[in-house]
Protein backbone atom coordinates (compact mmCIF):
# COMPACT_ATOMS: atom_id res chain seq x y z
CA MET A 1 -33.12 38.26 12.73
CA ASN A 2 -31.46 35.82 15.09
CA LEU A 3 -33.65 33.07 13.69
CA MET A 4 -32.62 33.96 10.14
CA ASN A 5 -28.94 33.91 11.10
CA ALA A 6 -29.40 30.54 12.75
CA ILE A 7 -31.10 29.15 9.63
CA ILE A 8 -28.34 30.52 7.39
CA SER A 9 -25.65 29.13 9.69
CA CYS A 10 -27.35 25.72 9.79
CA TRP A 11 -27.75 25.66 6.00
CA SER A 12 -24.12 26.70 5.52
CA GLY A 13 -22.94 23.97 7.87
CA ARG A 14 -24.97 21.33 6.08
CA SER A 15 -23.74 22.52 2.70
CA GLN A 16 -20.14 22.29 3.84
CA MET A 17 -20.78 18.80 5.22
CA ALA A 18 -22.39 17.72 1.94
CA LEU A 19 -19.49 19.12 -0.10
CA ARG A 20 -16.95 17.47 2.20
CA THR A 21 -18.76 14.13 1.94
CA LEU A 22 -18.97 14.39 -1.84
CA TYR A 23 -15.30 15.32 -2.09
CA LEU A 24 -14.32 12.43 0.18
CA LEU A 25 -16.42 9.96 -1.79
CA LEU A 26 -14.97 11.07 -5.13
CA LEU A 27 -11.43 11.03 -3.76
CA GLY A 28 -11.97 7.59 -2.25
CA GLN A 29 -13.26 6.23 -5.55
CA LEU A 30 -10.27 7.68 -7.37
CA VAL A 31 -8.03 5.84 -4.92
CA SER A 32 -10.11 2.71 -5.44
CA PHE A 33 -9.84 3.01 -9.22
CA SER A 34 -6.05 3.36 -9.05
CA LEU A 35 -5.92 0.23 -6.87
CA ALA A 36 -8.12 -1.60 -9.39
CA LEU A 37 -5.69 -0.61 -12.15
CA SER A 38 -2.82 -1.92 -10.05
CA SER A 39 -4.61 -5.23 -9.39
CA PHE A 40 -5.62 -5.53 -13.03
CA THR A 41 -2.06 -5.04 -14.29
CA THR A 42 -0.82 -7.50 -11.67
CA ALA A 43 -3.28 -10.09 -12.98
CA VAL A 44 -2.11 -9.36 -16.54
CA ILE A 45 1.53 -9.84 -15.50
CA THR A 46 0.58 -13.15 -13.88
CA ASP A 47 -1.33 -14.26 -17.00
CA LEU A 48 1.77 -13.50 -19.06
CA GLY A 49 3.69 -16.03 -16.96
CA VAL A 50 5.79 -13.64 -14.88
CA ASP A 51 6.10 -14.24 -11.11
CA ALA A 52 7.85 -11.13 -9.79
CA PRO A 53 5.89 -9.50 -6.93
CA ILE A 54 8.92 -7.86 -5.32
CA THR A 55 10.07 -6.42 -8.65
CA GLN A 56 6.68 -4.78 -9.04
CA SER A 57 7.09 -3.20 -5.60
CA VAL A 58 10.63 -2.05 -6.43
CA LEU A 59 9.41 -0.08 -9.45
CA CYS A 60 6.62 1.52 -7.43
CA TYR A 61 8.82 2.52 -4.49
CA LEU A 62 11.56 3.74 -6.81
CA SER A 63 9.15 6.13 -8.56
CA LEU A 64 7.90 7.42 -5.19
CA ALA A 65 11.44 7.94 -3.87
CA LEU A 66 12.56 9.80 -6.99
CA ALA A 67 9.49 12.05 -7.33
CA TYR A 68 8.90 12.99 -3.70
CA GLY A 69 12.56 12.80 -2.76
CA GLY A 70 13.23 15.45 -5.38
CA ILE A 71 10.60 17.67 -3.76
CA LEU A 72 12.17 17.24 -0.32
CA LEU A 73 15.63 18.02 -1.68
CA TYR A 74 14.30 21.12 -3.39
CA ARG A 75 12.68 22.27 -0.13
CA ARG A 76 15.84 21.42 1.82
CA GLN A 77 13.85 20.17 4.78
CA ARG A 78 14.82 18.06 7.71
CA LEU A 79 12.91 14.92 8.57
CA GLN A 80 10.44 15.33 11.38
CA VAL A 81 10.28 11.64 12.34
CA SER A 82 13.05 9.23 13.26
CA TRP A 83 14.27 7.07 10.40
CA TYR A 84 13.52 3.80 12.18
CA TRP A 85 9.78 4.58 12.24
CA TYR A 86 9.85 5.00 8.50
CA LEU A 87 11.84 1.79 8.17
CA LEU A 88 9.16 -0.04 10.15
CA LEU A 89 6.39 1.50 8.05
CA GLY A 90 8.22 0.64 4.84
CA PHE A 91 8.76 -2.95 5.98
CA VAL A 92 5.09 -3.43 6.84
CA ASP A 93 3.96 -1.90 3.55
CA VAL A 94 6.34 -4.06 1.50
CA GLN A 95 5.07 -7.24 3.14
CA GLY A 96 1.47 -6.27 2.40
CA ASN A 97 2.27 -5.63 -1.26
CA PHE A 98 4.31 -8.81 -1.59
CA LEU A 99 1.67 -11.05 -0.03
CA PHE A 100 -1.16 -9.59 -2.10
CA ASN A 101 0.77 -9.80 -5.37
CA LYS A 102 1.90 -13.33 -4.53
CA ALA A 103 -1.67 -14.41 -3.73
CA PHE A 104 -2.70 -13.87 -7.36
CA GLN A 105 -0.42 -16.81 -8.24
CA PHE A 106 -2.47 -19.24 -6.14
CA THR A 107 -6.07 -18.06 -5.81
CA SER A 108 -8.78 -16.24 -7.73
CA ILE A 109 -9.37 -12.50 -7.77
CA SER A 110 -12.76 -13.11 -6.09
CA SER A 111 -11.07 -14.75 -3.10
CA VAL A 112 -8.54 -11.93 -2.90
CA THR A 113 -11.32 -9.35 -2.90
CA LEU A 114 -13.39 -11.19 -0.31
CA LEU A 115 -10.61 -11.93 2.13
CA ASP A 116 -9.06 -8.46 2.04
CA CYS A 117 -12.12 -7.41 4.07
CA CYS A 118 -10.10 -8.69 7.04
CA ALA A 119 -8.34 -5.32 6.89
CA ILE A 120 -11.55 -3.57 8.05
CA PRO A 121 -11.80 -5.02 11.58
CA CYS A 122 -8.02 -4.83 11.89
CA ALA A 123 -8.05 -1.12 11.02
CA ILE A 124 -10.92 -0.46 13.44
CA VAL A 125 -9.08 -2.21 16.28
CA PHE A 126 -5.72 -0.59 15.50
CA THR A 127 -7.14 2.93 15.25
CA TRP A 128 -9.18 2.43 18.41
CA VAL A 129 -6.19 1.16 20.41
CA PHE A 130 -3.34 3.28 19.04
CA LEU A 131 -4.99 6.48 17.75
CA GLY A 132 -7.90 6.77 20.16
CA THR A 133 -10.54 6.74 17.39
CA ARG A 134 -14.10 6.10 18.56
CA TYR A 135 -16.75 4.72 16.22
CA SER A 136 -20.48 5.28 16.45
CA VAL A 137 -23.09 2.59 15.87
CA TRP A 138 -24.02 4.24 12.57
CA GLN A 139 -20.41 4.09 11.39
CA LEU A 140 -20.24 0.39 12.17
CA PHE A 141 -23.55 -0.05 10.34
CA GLY A 142 -22.15 1.79 7.32
CA ALA A 143 -19.05 -0.41 7.35
CA SER A 144 -21.22 -3.53 7.52
CA LEU A 145 -23.28 -2.28 4.59
CA CYS A 146 -20.09 -1.86 2.56
CA VAL A 147 -19.11 -5.46 3.28
CA LEU A 148 -22.62 -6.62 2.35
CA GLY A 149 -22.33 -4.79 -0.94
CA LEU A 150 -19.01 -6.50 -1.57
CA GLY A 151 -20.67 -9.86 -0.94
CA LEU A 152 -23.27 -9.06 -3.60
CA MET A 153 -20.45 -8.07 -5.91
CA LEU A 154 -18.81 -11.45 -5.45
CA LEU A 155 -22.02 -13.19 -6.51
CA SER A 156 -21.79 -11.33 -9.78
CA ASP A 157 -18.04 -11.76 -10.10
CA ALA A 158 -18.16 -15.51 -9.41
CA GLU A 159 -20.24 -16.07 -12.54
CA MET A 160 -17.60 -14.38 -14.70
CA ALA A 161 -14.34 -15.46 -13.06
CA GLY A 162 -13.44 -19.01 -13.72
CA GLY A 163 -11.41 -21.29 -11.53
CA GLY A 164 -10.35 -21.02 -7.96
CA GLY A 165 -6.60 -20.88 -8.46
CA SER A 166 -3.93 -23.55 -8.33
CA ARG A 167 -3.55 -23.57 -4.53
CA PRO A 168 -6.51 -21.60 -3.13
CA LEU A 169 -5.85 -22.32 0.55
CA LEU A 170 -2.29 -20.96 0.37
CA GLY A 171 -3.52 -17.97 -1.62
CA ASP A 172 -6.24 -17.23 0.94
CA ILE A 173 -3.72 -17.36 3.79
CA LEU A 174 -1.47 -14.93 1.91
CA VAL A 175 -4.38 -12.52 1.38
CA ILE A 176 -5.37 -12.55 5.06
CA ALA A 177 -1.78 -11.93 6.14
CA GLY A 178 -1.45 -9.16 3.55
CA ALA A 179 -4.67 -7.54 4.76
CA ILE A 180 -3.31 -7.39 8.31
CA PHE A 181 -0.06 -5.82 7.10
CA PHE A 182 -1.96 -3.28 4.99
CA ALA A 183 -4.15 -2.34 7.97
CA MET A 184 -1.04 -1.68 10.05
CA SER A 185 0.49 0.32 7.21
CA TYR A 186 -2.60 2.50 6.71
CA VAL A 187 -2.97 3.18 10.44
CA GLY A 188 0.69 4.13 10.74
CA GLU A 189 0.45 6.37 7.71
CA GLU A 190 -2.72 7.98 9.09
CA PHE A 191 -0.88 8.78 12.31
CA LEU A 192 1.91 10.46 10.37
CA VAL A 193 -0.04 12.44 7.75
CA LYS A 194 -2.22 14.00 10.46
CA LYS A 195 0.88 15.38 12.17
CA ILE A 196 3.37 16.17 9.41
CA ASP A 197 3.58 16.94 5.70
CA ARG A 198 2.40 14.15 3.40
CA VAL A 199 5.34 14.69 1.00
CA GLU A 200 7.81 13.49 3.61
CA VAL A 201 5.64 10.49 4.52
CA VAL A 202 5.19 9.31 0.92
CA CYS A 203 8.86 9.94 0.13
CA MET A 204 10.08 7.91 3.10
CA ILE A 205 7.66 5.08 2.29
CA GLY A 206 9.24 5.03 -1.15
CA VAL A 207 12.81 5.19 0.13
CA TYR A 208 12.53 2.57 2.86
CA GLY A 209 10.09 0.47 0.87
CA LEU A 210 12.67 0.37 -1.92
CA LEU A 211 15.41 -0.53 0.56
CA VAL A 212 13.41 -3.39 2.08
CA SER A 213 12.34 -4.64 -1.36
CA VAL A 214 15.92 -4.72 -2.65
CA VAL A 215 17.06 -6.57 0.48
CA GLN A 216 14.30 -9.13 -0.01
CA LEU A 217 14.99 -9.43 -3.73
CA TYR A 218 18.73 -9.98 -3.25
CA PRO A 219 19.03 -11.57 0.19
CA PHE A 220 21.92 -13.75 -0.84
CA LEU A 221 23.90 -11.30 -2.96
CA LEU A 222 26.35 -10.68 -0.10
CA GLY A 223 26.65 -14.42 0.35
CA ASP A 224 27.57 -14.79 -3.31
CA MET A 225 30.30 -12.19 -2.94
CA ILE A 226 31.70 -13.94 0.13
CA THR A 227 31.55 -17.32 -1.64
CA PHE A 228 33.33 -16.02 -4.74
CA THR A 229 36.07 -14.30 -2.72
CA TYR A 230 36.60 -17.30 -0.44
CA ASN A 231 36.79 -19.80 -3.29
CA LYS A 232 39.27 -17.68 -5.27
CA LEU A 233 41.52 -17.03 -2.27
CA TYR A 234 41.37 -20.63 -1.08
CA THR A 235 42.26 -21.97 -4.53
CA SER A 236 45.17 -19.53 -4.90
CA LEU A 237 46.47 -20.27 -1.40
CA CYS A 238 46.36 -24.01 -1.94
CA GLY A 239 48.25 -23.63 -5.23
CA MET A 240 50.96 -21.51 -3.60
CA ILE A 241 51.67 -23.51 -0.47
CA LYS A 242 50.43 -26.94 -1.66
CA PHE A 243 47.93 -27.23 1.19
CA PRO A 244 47.48 -30.95 1.91
CA PHE A 245 43.73 -30.84 2.51
CA ALA A 246 41.21 -31.05 -0.28
CA PHE A 247 39.50 -27.89 -1.47
CA ILE A 248 36.17 -27.37 0.32
CA PRO A 249 34.15 -24.80 -1.61
CA LEU A 250 31.40 -22.82 0.02
CA PRO A 251 27.93 -23.43 -1.39
CA SER A 252 26.25 -20.93 -3.69
CA PHE A 253 23.80 -18.66 -1.90
CA ARG A 254 22.05 -17.23 -4.95
CA SER A 255 18.88 -19.30 -5.12
CA THR A 256 15.99 -16.89 -4.75
CA LEU A 257 12.94 -17.91 -6.75
CA GLU A 258 12.19 -14.42 -8.01
CA LEU A 259 15.64 -13.96 -9.50
CA LYS A 260 15.27 -17.28 -11.30
CA SER A 261 11.85 -16.21 -12.51
CA LEU A 262 13.20 -12.92 -13.86
CA GLU A 263 16.06 -14.67 -15.60
CA SER A 264 13.63 -16.99 -17.40
CA VAL A 265 11.28 -14.23 -18.58
CA LYS A 266 11.10 -13.64 -22.32
CA TRP A 267 10.54 -9.91 -22.25
CA SER A 268 7.99 -8.52 -24.67
CA THR A 269 6.21 -5.22 -25.20
CA ASP A 270 3.11 -6.48 -23.35
CA ILE A 271 5.14 -7.46 -20.28
CA ILE A 272 7.05 -4.18 -20.20
CA LEU A 273 3.87 -2.11 -20.62
CA SER A 274 2.19 -4.13 -17.86
CA PHE A 275 5.04 -3.38 -15.46
CA VAL A 276 4.98 0.31 -16.40
CA GLY A 277 1.20 0.46 -15.96
CA ASN A 278 1.46 -1.26 -12.58
CA ALA A 279 4.10 1.20 -11.38
CA ALA A 280 2.09 4.21 -12.63
CA SER A 281 -1.17 3.07 -11.01
CA SER A 282 0.61 2.25 -7.75
CA PHE A 283 2.27 5.67 -7.80
CA MET A 284 -1.15 7.31 -8.19
CA PHE A 285 -2.52 5.19 -5.35
CA TYR A 286 0.23 6.15 -2.90
CA THR A 287 -0.09 9.80 -3.92
CA LEU A 288 -3.83 9.97 -3.20
CA VAL A 289 -3.99 7.81 -0.07
CA PRO A 290 -2.67 10.51 2.35
CA PHE A 291 -5.52 12.85 1.41
CA VAL A 292 -8.16 10.28 2.42
CA LEU A 293 -6.25 9.37 5.57
CA LYS A 294 -5.99 12.98 6.65
CA LEU A 295 -9.66 13.74 5.99
CA SER A 296 -11.23 10.62 7.44
CA GLY A 297 -8.81 7.88 8.47
CA ALA A 298 -7.62 4.38 7.69
CA THR A 299 -11.02 2.71 8.09
CA MET A 300 -12.67 5.03 5.57
CA LEU A 301 -9.80 4.35 3.17
CA ILE A 302 -10.21 0.58 3.42
CA LEU A 303 -13.98 0.87 3.00
CA SER A 304 -13.48 3.06 -0.07
CA VAL A 305 -11.16 0.61 -1.79
CA LEU A 306 -13.74 -2.16 -1.41
CA THR A 307 -15.13 -0.89 -4.71
CA SER A 308 -11.82 -1.63 -6.44
CA ASP A 309 -13.17 -5.01 -7.52
CA MET A 310 -16.14 -3.26 -9.09
CA TRP A 311 -13.81 -1.00 -11.02
CA ALA A 312 -11.86 -4.12 -11.98
CA VAL A 313 -15.07 -5.57 -13.42
CA ILE A 314 -15.51 -2.41 -15.50
CA LEU A 315 -11.96 -2.80 -16.77
CA ARG A 316 -12.66 -6.41 -17.71
CA ILE A 317 -15.83 -5.32 -19.51
CA PHE A 318 -13.91 -2.86 -21.67
CA CYS A 319 -10.83 -5.02 -22.16
CA TYR A 320 -12.39 -8.49 -22.46
CA HIS A 321 -16.01 -7.55 -23.29
CA GLN A 322 -17.41 -9.49 -20.34
CA GLN A 323 -21.00 -9.03 -19.19
CA VAL A 324 -22.34 -8.27 -15.70
CA ASN A 325 -25.71 -8.94 -14.15
CA TRP A 326 -27.97 -6.74 -12.05
CA THR A 327 -26.29 -7.66 -8.74
CA TYR A 328 -23.25 -5.65 -9.78
CA TYR A 329 -25.18 -2.38 -9.80
CA LEU A 330 -26.96 -3.25 -6.55
CA ALA A 331 -23.62 -4.01 -4.90
CA PHE A 332 -22.08 -0.75 -6.07
CA ALA A 333 -25.06 1.20 -4.69
CA ALA A 334 -24.87 -0.63 -1.35
CA VAL A 335 -21.18 0.19 -0.93
CA LEU A 336 -21.71 3.86 -1.82
CA ILE A 337 -24.62 4.15 0.64
CA GLY A 338 -22.47 2.53 3.33
CA LEU A 339 -19.67 5.01 2.62
CA ILE A 340 -22.08 7.94 2.86
CA ILE A 341 -23.45 6.68 6.19
CA TYR A 342 -19.95 6.14 7.54
CA SER A 343 -18.57 9.51 6.45
CA THR A 344 -21.57 11.61 7.51
CA THR A 345 -21.83 10.05 10.99
CA ALA A 346 -18.11 10.23 11.82
CA LYS A 347 -17.30 11.50 15.27
CA ASP A 348 -14.50 13.94 15.94
CA LEU A 349 -11.29 12.07 16.48
CA LEU A 350 -9.62 12.22 19.86
CA PRO A 351 -6.31 14.09 19.85
CA ILE A 352 -3.57 11.95 18.40
CA PRO A 353 -0.71 11.54 20.87
CA ALA A 354 2.35 13.67 20.29
CA LEU A 355 4.79 12.23 17.84
CA GLU A 356 7.82 12.54 20.03
CA ASN A 357 8.59 14.32 23.29
CA GLY A 358 5.06 15.74 23.57
CA ASN A 359 5.51 18.02 20.57
CA TYR A 360 2.08 18.57 18.97
CA ASP A 361 2.94 21.41 16.62
CA VAL A 362 5.85 20.03 14.68
CA GLN A 363 7.04 22.29 11.89
CA TYR A 364 9.59 21.71 9.21
CA GLN A 365 13.03 23.11 9.81
CA ARG A 366 14.63 24.51 6.69
CA LEU A 367 18.28 23.69 6.23
CA ASP A 368 19.68 27.16 5.75
CA ASP A 369 23.15 27.71 4.44
CA GLU A 370 24.31 28.76 7.90
CA ASN A 371 23.46 25.47 9.59
CA MET A 372 24.22 23.13 6.71
CA ALA A 373 27.83 22.83 7.79
CA SER A 374 26.96 21.95 11.37
CA ARG A 375 24.09 19.56 10.73
CA GLY A 376 26.32 16.55 11.24
CA LYS A 377 26.74 17.55 14.88
CA GLU A 378 23.01 17.87 15.52
CA SER A 379 20.46 15.22 16.28
CA PHE A 380 18.04 14.29 13.55
CA TYR A 381 15.51 12.93 16.04
């Protein structure tokens, strides 16, 4: 009887592990597909002659802030993490998005896909140092197999993608820098979603990502206001008191390239639909990412999105009727096998350090009507 119970318990445990692995793989590929859609629409926007990477980020972060911010307002919940941590996370995420979107202007999609593998060792090092994650030899082998599969994919993709970009070296540098920023963003988000509710994390990424994007998009708007006010006042003052010195106007500050690019765009239905599709796919990506991070971690997420280029090939097949060779299917199989090895051999994570003040069991605090009036006197962490 004890033997039968042991067999049933072992079978149940293996079944749960198999279901968890299957669920994680499917979820990871859904995330990867949404990223492929985002990259595909970015390439379409570039092909249409629009250079507006920050504007793309603004639309994405705005949709996140509105959707998840509405949920937080409905719940009437206090933030569990200090605002400056979210500001830092939003800044890092914005830079990763900007650099990746900008890289499409200078290099090929194959180079972008190859070089974003730099995020894998960065994520492993960051999680090992800051989160205490330990990786087994089999996990590292699985990660290597994923990268090998991506290399096979590039052999297939290189035969279809023409050209290496206008300035490939600059584009490659942008991709590497963006990969490092994305690794930091994913590790920081993993730390948060494993301690607090994902709705708050995604909402704050949207809010502070939007704030940082707007500041980067209009860095000289305040300068323009100062220039306009100074010039008007100086001219009026000189006319009133006949100031003997010549008028010395302040220079114009408004010279950002993206604003000039937006002003020169001849908006069409294709461009508008491309921006809408990019925002929708990015919204889906940010919505699904916390689930993968909470189940497995930042490294598994980055390994999963390696297949985004493969999904991009499928999109090009349906949209542009391009053909693929046998290496594509071999590459896809290699990445999936690597993901299975990585996810099934994962060790239990070490306890993540307390978020603040040694508090491991942080719970939301509802803003009741009684304490709404006095919240201004309390600390919000």
